[in-house]
Each structure stands twice: as C-alpha cells, then as structure tokens.
C-alpha cells in the first residue's frame, strides 16, 4: 500500500515511522530503507538518517529531486520479508 504524504516543501523535515505497521518485536527485525527509483541496493542520500533501531527515518532539508517513493522493507531475523511500506512524496511545492 502506498501512503501519500501530501504536499511537502523544499527544506521541510519529514519523519517516517514503521513501528505502528509491524506487529513483531523490533529486536527481531531488520529495516531496509531505500528510494524506489534507486532500488534496494542503492544508498540513501546524506539528508536521510535512520533511528538506532532502523524503524524510523528522518529526512531533513527535503530536496526537489527526492520526489517519488521512499520504501521500507521489513525482514525477520531469518531473512523473510515481513512487510513493506511505500511513502509517496508526490510534489514538492515552492516555499
């Protein structure tokens, strides 16, 4: 399912949190965040920081080129995909 984040603006800070979407203990999970356009093997831009558990992401100073979909795939400690959430940044308006 795609979560529409609505209109956002350049320089805005976003907080994306997966804890409420996962019904398993966080310590038994691995969170993989990525830009859908880059694929799971891509690296996150420097303005995207993960929480210590990896279950949340803060995007600071959002950039126009980051329009698109941010994905979080959640894997169990055995390597099975438990769930996936997609966050849509559909338009970055002028401030």
Protein backbone atom coordinates (compact mmCIF):
# COMPACT_ATOMS: atom_id res chain seq x y z
CA UNK A 1 0.00 0.00 0.00
CA UNK A 2 1.21 3.49 -0.84
CA UNK A 3 0.99 6.20 1.84
CA UNK A 4 0.54 9.62 0.28
CA UNK A 5 2.46 12.20 2.34
CA UNK A 6 0.59 15.07 0.67
CA UNK A 7 2.23 18.29 -0.38
CA UNK A 8 5.67 18.93 1.03
CA UNK A 9 8.13 21.79 0.55
CA UNK A 10 11.86 22.09 -0.13
CA UNK A 11 13.76 22.25 3.13
CA UNK A 12 10.97 20.55 5.10
CA UNK A 13 11.73 17.79 7.62
CA UNK A 14 9.80 14.51 7.38
CA UNK A 15 9.53 11.75 9.97
CA UNK A 16 8.64 8.29 8.65
CA UNK A 17 7.95 5.59 11.23
CA UNK A 18 7.36 1.87 10.68
CA UNK A 19 6.76 0.81 14.32
CA UNK A 20 2.96 1.07 14.06
CA UNK A 21 2.89 -1.12 10.92
CA UNK A 22 4.81 -4.04 12.42
CA UNK A 23 3.30 -6.41 14.97
CA UNK A 24 6.56 -8.17 15.83
CA UNK A 25 9.26 -7.30 18.38
CA UNK A 26 11.60 -4.70 16.84
CA UNK A 27 14.71 -6.51 18.09
CA UNK A 28 13.91 -9.46 15.80
CA UNK A 29 13.55 -7.32 12.68
CA UNK A 30 15.80 -5.66 10.10
CA UNK A 31 14.57 -2.49 8.37
CA UNK A 32 15.81 -1.69 4.85
CA UNK A 33 15.00 1.87 3.68
CA UNK A 34 15.59 2.95 0.10
CA UNK A 35 14.41 5.21 -2.69
CA UNK A 36 12.27 3.16 -5.05
CA UNK A 37 13.94 4.80 -8.07
CA UNK A 38 17.37 3.60 -6.83
CA UNK A 39 16.31 0.08 -5.85
CA UNK A 40 17.09 -1.79 -2.65
CA UNK A 41 20.82 -1.84 -3.38
CA UNK A 42 21.01 1.97 -3.68
CA UNK A 43 22.39 4.18 -0.95
CA UNK A 44 20.36 6.77 0.93
CA UNK A 45 21.12 10.47 0.41
CA UNK A 46 23.04 12.20 3.20
CA UNK A 47 19.92 14.08 4.42
CA UNK A 48 18.17 10.80 5.37
CA UNK A 49 19.01 9.44 8.83
CA UNK A 50 17.76 6.25 10.47
CA UNK A 51 16.85 5.80 14.13
CA UNK A 52 19.09 3.44 16.16
CA UNK A 53 16.62 0.56 15.64
CA UNK A 54 16.19 1.42 11.94
CA UNK A 55 12.41 1.51 12.35
CA UNK A 56 12.15 5.25 11.67
CA UNK A 57 13.71 7.70 9.25
CA UNK A 58 14.16 11.45 9.41
CA UNK A 59 14.51 13.31 6.13
CA UNK A 60 15.95 16.75 6.81
CA UNK A 61 16.05 19.58 4.28
CA UNK A 62 13.95 17.75 1.70
CA UNK A 63 15.17 18.25 -1.87
CA UNK A 64 13.19 18.61 -5.10
CA UNK A 65 14.99 15.62 -6.65
CA UNK A 66 13.68 13.40 -3.84
CA UNK A 67 10.15 13.39 -5.24
CA UNK A 68 8.98 9.83 -5.64
CA UNK A 69 8.64 6.87 -3.33
CA UNK A 70 10.61 6.02 -0.19
CA UNK A 71 10.30 2.33 0.68
CA UNK A 72 10.86 0.42 3.90
CA UNK A 73 11.10 -3.37 3.64
CA UNK A 74 10.99 -5.18 6.97
CA UNK A 75 12.74 -8.54 7.26
CA UNK A 76 12.68 -11.08 10.08
CA UNK A 77 15.89 -12.25 11.72
CA UNK A 78 15.63 -15.32 9.44
CA UNK A 79 15.67 -13.13 6.33
CA UNK A 80 11.98 -13.39 5.39
CA UNK A 81 10.10 -10.32 4.18
CA UNK A 82 7.55 -9.49 6.90
CA UNK A 83 6.05 -6.34 5.37
CA UNK A 84 6.80 -3.43 3.08
CA UNK A 85 5.55 0.16 3.23
CA UNK A 86 5.85 2.75 0.48
CA UNK A 87 5.71 6.51 1.24
CA UNK A 88 4.85 8.80 -1.69
CA UNK A 89 6.38 12.25 -2.00
CA UNK A 90 4.36 13.34 -5.00
CA UNK A 91 5.03 17.03 -5.26
CA UNK A 92 7.41 19.42 -3.69
CA UNK A 93 5.91 22.89 -3.95
CA UNK A 94 7.62 26.24 -3.68
CA UNK A 95 8.00 27.57 -0.15
